[in-house]
């Protein structure tokens, strides 16, 4: 929904509730526009990812073969 700044200030609780239920709420002031969005929408939009060390601590490496390949290296002419 689109709100004028004065109306959004007077009905801030409604703006926040609608952002949580309906999605982003657009607030305009002259030529400026801002959005009120839920934190879940923000996390989704910014692509917040798990840190690599957190990923490794929760990863399951069972069945992963980490043995080095024993074949000889190929000849390279320089």
PDB file of N, CA and C in Angstrom:
ATOM      1  N   UNK A   1       0.840  -1.172   0.000  1.00  0.00           N
ATOM      2  CA  UNK A   1       0.000   0.000   0.000  1.00  0.00           C
ATOM      3  C   UNK A   1       0.884   1.232   0.000  1.00  0.00           C
ATOM      4  N   UNK A   2       0.391   2.313  -0.528  1.00  0.00           N
ATOM      5  CA  UNK A   2       1.127   3.565  -0.609  1.00  0.00           C
ATOM      6  C   UNK A   2       0.564   4.550   0.419  1.00  0.00           C
ATOM      7  N   UNK A   3       1.441   5.126   1.241  1.00  0.00           N
ATOM      8  CA  UNK A   3       1.054   6.047   2.295  1.00  0.00           C
ATOM      9  C   UNK A   3       1.742   7.388   2.091  1.00  0.00           C
ATOM     10  N   UNK A   4       1.050   8.472   2.402  1.00  0.00           N
ATOM     11  CA  UNK A   4       1.694   9.780   2.512  1.00  0.00           C
ATOM     12  C   UNK A   4       2.330   9.829   3.897  1.00  0.00           C
ATOM     13  N   UNK A   5       3.436  10.551   4.037  1.00  0.00           N
ATOM     14  CA  UNK A   5       4.175  10.571   5.292  1.00  0.00           C
ATOM     15  C   UNK A   5       3.303  10.965   6.487  1.00  0.00           C
ATOM     16  N   UNK A   6       2.508  12.025   6.354  1.00  0.00           N
ATOM     17  CA  UNK A   6       1.675  12.485   7.463  1.00  0.00           C
ATOM     18  C   UNK A   6       0.696  11.398   7.906  1.00  0.00           C
ATOM     19  N   UNK A   7       0.084  10.712   6.938  1.00  0.00           N
ATOM     20  CA  UNK A   7      -0.861   9.652   7.268  1.00  0.00           C
ATOM     21  C   UNK A   7      -0.139   8.464   7.917  1.00  0.00           C
ATOM     22  N   UNK A   8       1.041   8.146   7.414  1.00  0.00           N
ATOM     23  CA  UNK A   8       1.812   7.035   7.973  1.00  0.00           C
ATOM     24  C   UNK A   8       2.222   7.329   9.416  1.00  0.00           C
ATOM     25  N   UNK A   9       2.574   8.573   9.712  1.00  0.00           N
ATOM     26  CA  UNK A   9       2.935   8.940  11.080  1.00  0.00           C
ATOM     27  C   UNK A   9       1.734   8.777  12.009  1.00  0.00           C
ATOM     28  N   UNK A  10       0.574   9.174  11.557  1.00  0.00           N
ATOM     29  CA  UNK A  10      -0.634   9.075  12.381  1.00  0.00           C
ATOM     30  C   UNK A  10      -1.099   7.636  12.570  1.00  0.00           C
ATOM     31  N   UNK A  11      -0.758   6.766  11.628  1.00  0.00           N
ATOM     32  CA  UNK A  11      -1.244   5.381  11.664  1.00  0.00           C
ATOM     33  C   UNK A  11      -0.080   4.391  11.623  1.00  0.00           C
ATOM     34  N   UNK A  12       1.001   4.722  12.337  1.00  0.00           N
ATOM     35  CA  UNK A  12       2.219   3.911  12.269  1.00  0.00           C
ATOM     36  C   UNK A  12       1.974   2.453  12.652  1.00  0.00           C
ATOM     37  N   UNK A  13       1.185   2.206  13.675  1.00  0.00           N
ATOM     38  CA  UNK A  13       0.904   0.818  14.071  1.00  0.00           C
ATOM     39  C   UNK A  13       0.259   0.039  12.931  1.00  0.00           C
ATOM     40  N   UNK A  14      -0.642   0.680  12.220  1.00  0.00           N
ATOM     41  CA  UNK A  14      -1.289   0.014  11.088  1.00  0.00           C
ATOM     42  C   UNK A  14      -0.286  -0.243   9.963  1.00  0.00           C
ATOM     43  N   UNK A  15       0.587   0.735   9.712  1.00  0.00           N
ATOM     44  CA  UNK A  15       1.609   0.559   8.669  1.00  0.00           C
ATOM     45  C   UNK A  15       2.483  -0.651   8.999  1.00  0.00           C
ATOM     46  N   UNK A  16       2.916  -0.744  10.258  1.00  0.00           N
ATOM     47  CA  UNK A  16       3.761  -1.867  10.681  1.00  0.00           C
ATOM     48  C   UNK A  16       3.000  -3.185  10.589  1.00  0.00           C
ATOM     49  N   UNK A  17       1.768  -3.223  11.070  1.00  0.00           N
ATOM     50  CA  UNK A  17       0.969  -4.456  10.988  1.00  0.00           C
ATOM     51  C   UNK A  17       0.776  -4.906   9.550  1.00  0.00           C
ATOM     52  N   UNK A  18       0.502  -3.959   8.678  1.00  0.00           N
ATOM     53  CA  UNK A  18       0.325  -4.330   7.262  1.00  0.00           C
ATOM     54  C   UNK A  18       1.622  -4.819   6.641  1.00  0.00           C
ATOM     55  N   UNK A  19       2.748  -4.223   7.037  1.00  0.00           N
ATOM     56  CA  UNK A  19       4.038  -4.692   6.526  1.00  0.00           C
ATOM     57  C   UNK A  19       4.284  -6.141   6.935  1.00  0.00           C
ATOM     58  N   UNK A  20       3.886  -6.488   8.141  1.00  0.00           N
ATOM     59  CA  UNK A  20       4.064  -7.855   8.627  1.00  0.00           C
ATOM     60  C   UNK A  20       3.125  -8.842   7.960  1.00  0.00           C
ATOM     61  N   UNK A  21       1.903  -8.410   7.655  1.00  0.00           N
ATOM     62  CA  UNK A  21       0.888  -9.318   7.109  1.00  0.00           C
ATOM     63  C   UNK A  21       0.830  -9.286   5.582  1.00  0.00           C
ATOM     64  N   UNK A  22       0.810  -8.087   5.012  1.00  0.00           N
ATOM     65  CA  UNK A  22       0.580  -7.934   3.570  1.00  0.00           C
ATOM     66  C   UNK A  22       1.863  -7.794   2.756  1.00  0.00           C
ATOM     67  N   UNK A  23       2.928  -7.335   3.385  1.00  0.00           N
ATOM     68  CA  UNK A  23       4.171  -7.113   2.651  1.00  0.00           C
ATOM     69  C   UNK A  23       4.584  -5.652   2.719  1.00  0.00           C
ATOM     70  N   UNK A  24       5.586  -5.270   1.941  1.00  0.00           N
ATOM     71  CA  UNK A  24       6.171  -3.925   2.010  1.00  0.00           C
ATOM     72  C   UNK A  24       5.129  -2.802   1.885  1.00  0.00           C
ATOM     73  N   UNK A  25       5.323  -1.769   2.704  1.00  0.00           N
ATOM     74  CA  UNK A  25       4.460  -0.583   2.688  1.00  0.00           C
ATOM     75  C   UNK A  25       5.305   0.599   2.213  1.00  0.00           C
ATOM     76  N   UNK A  26       4.833   1.301   1.224  1.00  0.00           N
ATOM     77  CA  UNK A  26       5.551   2.418   0.618  1.00  0.00           C
ATOM     78  C   UNK A  26       5.082   3.730   1.251  1.00  0.00           C
ATOM     79  N   UNK A  27       6.052   4.512   1.756  1.00  0.00           N
ATOM     80  CA  UNK A  27       5.749   5.821   2.341  1.00  0.00           C
ATOM     81  C   UNK A  27       6.427   6.891   1.494  1.00  0.00           C
ATOM     82  N   UNK A  28       5.644   7.892   1.073  1.00  0.00           N
ATOM     83  CA  UNK A  28       6.181   8.941   0.207  1.00  0.00           C
ATOM     84  C   UNK A  28       6.196  10.285   0.917  1.00  0.00           C
ATOM     85  N   UNK A  29       7.238  11.052   0.622  1.00  0.00           N
ATOM     86  CA  UNK A  29       7.369  12.430   1.086  1.00  0.00           C
ATOM     87  C   UNK A  29       7.922  13.216  -0.094  1.00  0.00           C
ATOM     88  N   UNK A  30       7.079  14.042  -0.669  1.00  0.00           N
ATOM     89  CA  UNK A  30       7.414  14.774  -1.900  1.00  0.00           C
ATOM     90  C   UNK A  30       7.902  13.781  -2.944  1.00  0.00           C
ATOM     91  N   UNK A  31       9.172  13.844  -3.321  1.00  0.00           N
ATOM     92  CA  UNK A  31       9.701  12.925  -4.339  1.00  0.00           C
ATOM     93  C   UNK A  31      10.469  11.754  -3.738  1.00  0.00           C
ATOM     94  N   UNK A  32      10.502  11.674  -2.415  1.00  0.00           N
ATOM     95  CA  UNK A  32      11.232  10.595  -1.750  1.00  0.00           C
ATOM     96  C   UNK A  32      10.281   9.450  -1.409  1.00  0.00           C
ATOM     97  N   UNK A  33      10.804   8.243  -1.485  1.00  0.00           N
ATOM     98  CA  UNK A  33      10.007   7.054  -1.156  1.00  0.00           C
ATOM     99  C   UNK A  33      10.847   6.147  -0.272  1.00  0.00           C
ATOM    100  N   UNK A  34      10.231   5.631   0.796  1.00  0.00           N
ATOM    101  CA  UNK A  34      10.867   4.625   1.648  1.00  0.00           C
ATOM    102  C   UNK A  34       9.913   3.452   1.789  1.00  0.00           C
ATOM    103  N   UNK A  35      10.465   2.316   2.184  1.00  0.00           N
ATOM    104  CA  UNK A  35       9.656   1.123   2.389  1.00  0.00           C
ATOM    105  C   UNK A  35       9.748   0.680   3.835  1.00  0.00           C
ATOM    106  N   UNK A  36       8.641   0.226   4.362  1.00  0.00           N
ATOM    107  CA  UNK A  36       8.614  -0.449   5.658  1.00  0.00           C
ATOM    108  C   UNK A  36       8.383  -1.919   5.339  1.00  0.00           C
ATOM    109  N   UNK A  37       9.355  -2.763   5.737  1.00  0.00           N
ATOM    110  CA  UNK A  37       9.241  -4.193   5.461  1.00  0.00           C
ATOM    111  C   UNK A  37       9.526  -4.979   6.735  1.00  0.00           C
ATOM    112  N   UNK A  38       9.064  -6.208   6.759  1.00  0.00           N
ATOM    113  CA  UNK A  38       9.338  -7.077   7.905  1.00  0.00           C
ATOM    114  C   UNK A  38      10.800  -7.507   7.867  1.00  0.00           C
ATOM    115  N   UNK A  39      11.303  -7.936   9.014  1.00  0.00           N
ATOM    116  CA  UNK A  39      12.692  -8.410   9.058  1.00  0.00           C
ATOM    117  C   UNK A  39      12.882  -9.643   8.184  1.00  0.00           C
ATOM    118  N   UNK A  40      11.883 -10.510   8.141  1.00  0.00           N
ATOM    119  CA  UNK A  40      11.979 -11.706   7.293  1.00  0.00           C
ATOM    120  C   UNK A  40      12.124 -11.320   5.823  1.00  0.00           C
ATOM    121  N   UNK A  41      11.339 -10.319   5.377  1.00  0.00           N
ATOM    122  CA  UNK A  41      11.473  -9.848   3.996  1.00  0.00           C
ATOM    123  C   UNK A  41      12.851  -9.233   3.762  1.00  0.00           C
ATOM    124  N   UNK A  42      13.356  -8.498   4.752  1.00  0.00           N
ATOM    125  CA  UNK A  42      14.682  -7.883   4.633  1.00  0.00           C
ATOM    126  C   UNK A  42      15.766  -8.958   4.514  1.00  0.00           C
ATOM    127  N   UNK A  43      15.716  -9.967   5.368  1.00  0.00           N
ATOM    128  CA  UNK A  43      16.712 -11.042   5.326  1.00  0.00           C
ATOM    129  C   UNK A  43      16.662 -11.759   3.980  1.00  0.00           C
ATOM    130  N   UNK A  44      15.472 -11.968   3.476  1.00  0.00           N
ATOM    131  CA  UNK A  44      15.311 -12.619   2.175  1.00  0.00           C
ATOM    132  C   UNK A  44      15.876 -11.758   1.051  1.00  0.00           C
ATOM    133  N   UNK A  45      15.633 -10.456   1.121  1.00  0.00           N
ATOM    134  CA  UNK A  45      16.083  -9.547   0.067  1.00  0.00           C
ATOM    135  C   UNK A  45      17.588  -9.338   0.081  1.00  0.00           C
ATOM    136  N   UNK A  46      18.202  -9.346   1.255  1.00  0.00           N
ATOM    137  CA  UNK A  46      19.637  -9.089   1.342  1.00  0.00           C
ATOM    138  C   UNK A  46      20.460 -10.348   1.184  1.00  0.00           C
ATOM    139  N   UNK A  47      19.816 -11.500   1.153  1.00  0.00           N
ATOM    140  CA  UNK A  47      20.535 -12.750   0.946  1.00  0.00           C
ATOM    141  C   UNK A  47      21.423 -13.108   2.117  1.00  0.00           C
ATOM    142  N   UNK A  48      20.982 -12.807   3.309  1.00  0.00           N
ATOM    143  CA  UNK A  48      21.756 -13.135   4.501  1.00  0.00           C
ATOM    144  C   UNK A  48      22.050 -14.625   4.488  1.00  0.00           C
ATOM    145  N   UNK A  49      23.325 -14.960   4.569  1.00  0.00           N
ATOM    146  CA  UNK A  49      23.724 -16.363   4.505  1.00  0.00           C
ATOM    147  C   UNK A  49      24.402 -16.793   5.800  1.00  0.00           C
ATOM    148  N   UNK A  50      24.459 -18.080   5.971  1.00  0.00           N
ATOM    149  CA  UNK A  50      25.142 -18.659   7.108  1.00  0.00           C
ATOM    150  C   UNK A  50      26.647 -18.475   6.916  1.00  0.00           C
ATOM    151  N   UNK A  51      27.357 -18.159   8.001  1.00  0.00           N
ATOM    152  CA  UNK A  51      28.814 -18.030   7.907  1.00  0.00           C
ATOM    153  C   UNK A  51      29.415 -19.383   7.557  1.00  0.00           C
ATOM    154  N   UNK A  52      30.562 -19.371   6.854  1.00  0.00           N
ATOM    155  CA  UNK A  52      31.175 -20.602   6.384  1.00  0.00           C
ATOM    156  C   UNK A  52      31.526 -21.535   7.545  1.00  0.00           C
ATOM    157  N   UNK A  53      32.079 -20.980   8.622  1.00  0.00           N
ATOM    158  CA  UNK A  53      32.445 -21.837   9.759  1.00  0.00           C
ATOM    159  C   UNK A  53      31.195 -22.444  10.396  1.00  0.00           C
ATOM    160  N   UNK A  54      30.055 -21.727  10.386  1.00  0.00           N
ATOM    161  CA  UNK A  54      28.808 -22.288  10.898  1.00  0.00           C
ATOM    162  C   UNK A  54      28.335 -23.421   9.998  1.00  0.00           C
ATOM    163  N   UNK A  55      28.495 -23.225   8.686  1.00  0.00           N
ATOM    164  CA  UNK A  55      28.119 -24.274   7.740  1.00  0.00           C
ATOM    165  C   UNK A  55      28.947 -25.535   7.988  1.00  0.00           C
ATOM    166  N   UNK A  56      30.268 -25.371   8.129  1.00  0.00           N
ATOM    167  CA  UNK A  56      31.131 -26.530   8.323  1.00  0.00           C
ATOM    168  C   UNK A  56      30.809 -27.272   9.615  1.00  0.00           C
ATOM    169  N   UNK A  57      30.481 -26.532  10.657  1.00  0.00           N
ATOM    170  CA  UNK A  57      30.193 -27.190  11.935  1.00  0.00           C
ATOM    171  C   UNK A  57      28.888 -27.984  11.883  1.00  0.00           C
ATOM    172  N   UNK A  58      27.995 -27.632  10.956  1.00  0.00           N
ATOM    173  CA  UNK A  58      26.726 -28.352  10.865  1.00  0.00           C
ATOM    174  C   UNK A  58      26.670 -29.317   9.675  1.00  0.00           C
ATOM    175  N   UNK A  59      27.717 -29.339   8.853  1.00  0.00           N
ATOM    176  CA  UNK A  59      27.717 -30.188   7.653  1.00  0.00           C
ATOM    177  C   UNK A  59      27.969 -31.645   8.022  1.00  0.00           C
ATOM    178  N   UNK A  60      27.442 -32.537   7.224  1.00  0.00           N
ATOM    179  CA  UNK A  60      27.633 -33.969   7.430  1.00  0.00           C
ATOM    180  C   UNK A  60      28.573 -34.480   6.340  1.00  0.00           C
ATOM    181  N   UNK A  61      29.786 -34.889   6.750  1.00  0.00           N
ATOM    182  CA  UNK A  61      30.780 -35.363   5.785  1.00  0.00           C
ATOM    183  C   UNK A  61      30.846 -36.885   5.733  1.00  0.00           C
ATOM    184  N   UNK A  62      29.871 -37.550   6.314  1.00  0.00           N
ATOM    185  CA  UNK A  62      29.840 -39.004   6.305  1.00  0.00           C
ATOM    186  C   UNK A  62      29.737 -39.499   4.868  1.00  0.00           C
ATOM    187  N   UNK A  63      30.590 -40.434   4.525  1.00  0.00           N
ATOM    188  CA  UNK A  63      30.567 -41.003   3.186  1.00  0.00           C
ATOM    189  C   UNK A  63      31.391 -40.218   2.172  1.00  0.00           C
ATOM    190  N   UNK A  64      32.006 -39.124   2.586  1.00  0.00           N
ATOM    191  CA  UNK A  64      32.834 -38.328   1.684  1.00  0.00           C
ATOM    192  C   UNK A  64      34.217 -38.963   1.591  1.00  0.00           C
ATOM    193  N   UNK A  65      34.670 -39.285   0.371  1.00  0.00           N
ATOM    194  CA  UNK A  65      35.965 -39.924   0.161  1.00  0.00           C
ATOM    195  C   UNK A  65      37.044 -38.846   0.024  1.00  0.00           C
ATOM    196  N   UNK A  66      37.942 -38.789   1.005  1.00  0.00           N
ATOM    197  CA  UNK A  66      39.008 -37.790   0.990  1.00  0.00           C
ATOM    198  C   UNK A  66      40.375 -38.404   0.681  1.00  0.00           C
ATOM    199  N   UNK A  67      40.391 -39.635   0.198  1.00  0.00           N
ATOM    200  CA  UNK A  67      41.643 -40.294  -0.166  1.00  0.00           C
ATOM    201  C   UNK A  67      42.220 -39.657  -1.419  1.00  0.00           C
ATOM    202  N   UNK A  68      43.550 -39.485  -1.429  1.00  0.00           N
ATOM    203  CA  UNK A  68      44.234 -38.900  -2.588  1.00  0.00           C
ATOM    204  C   UNK A  68      44.304 -39.926  -3.706  1.00  0.00           C
ATOM    205  N   UNK A  69      44.120 -39.433  -4.933  1.00  0.00           N
ATOM    206  CA  UNK A  69      44.218 -40.271  -6.123  1.00  0.00           C
ATOM    207  C   UNK A  69      45.677 -40.703  -6.287  1.00  0.00           C
ATOM    208  N   UNK A  70      45.925 -41.991  -6.372  1.00  0.00           N
ATOM    209  CA  UNK A  70      47.292 -42.513  -6.433  1.00  0.00           C
ATOM    210  C   UNK A  70      47.893 -42.576  -7.829  1.00  0.00           C
ATOM    211  N   UNK A  71      47.168 -42.177  -8.863  1.00  0.00           N
ATOM    212  CA  UNK A  71      47.728 -42.248 -10.211  1.00  0.00           C
ATOM    213  C   UNK A  71      48.839 -41.224 -10.372  1.00  0.00           C
ATOM    214  N   UNK A  72      49.815 -41.554 -11.247  1.00  0.00           N
ATOM    215  CA  UNK A  72      50.956 -40.655 -11.454  1.00  0.00           C
ATOM    216  C   UNK A  72      50.519 -39.428 -12.259  1.00  0.00           C
ATOM    217  N   UNK A  73      51.272 -38.369 -12.076  1.00  0.00           N
ATOM    218  CA  UNK A  73      50.989 -37.131 -12.792  1.00  0.00           C
ATOM    219  C   UNK A  73      51.414 -37.259 -14.250  1.00  0.00           C
ATOM    220  N   UNK A  74      50.824 -36.496 -15.117  1.00  0.00           N
ATOM    221  CA  UNK A  74      51.192 -36.565 -16.529  1.00  0.00           C
ATOM    222  C   UNK A  74      52.442 -35.729 -16.785  1.00  0.00           C
ATOM    223  N   UNK A  75      53.155 -36.064 -17.824  1.00  0.00           N
ATOM    224  CA  UNK A  75      54.365 -35.337 -18.223  1.00  0.00           C
ATOM    225  C   UNK A  75      53.997 -34.012 -18.871  1.00  0.00           C
ATOM    226  N   UNK A  76      54.717 -32.976 -18.530  1.00  0.00           N
ATOM    227  CA  UNK A  76      54.484 -31.651 -19.117  1.00  0.00           C
ATOM    228  C   UNK A  76      55.793 -31.160 -19.689  1.00  0.00           C
ATOM    229  N   UNK A  77      55.786 -30.829 -20.974  1.00  0.00           N
ATOM    230  CA  UNK A  77      56.994 -30.275 -21.610  1.00  0.00           C
ATOM    231  C   UNK A  77      56.960 -28.758 -21.517  1.00  0.00           C
ATOM    232  N   UNK A  78      57.992 -28.185 -20.904  1.00  0.00           N
ATOM    233  CA  UNK A  78      58.078 -26.746 -20.778  1.00  0.00           C
ATOM    234  C   UNK A  78      59.067 -26.163 -21.715  1.00  0.00           C
TER     235      UNK A  78
END
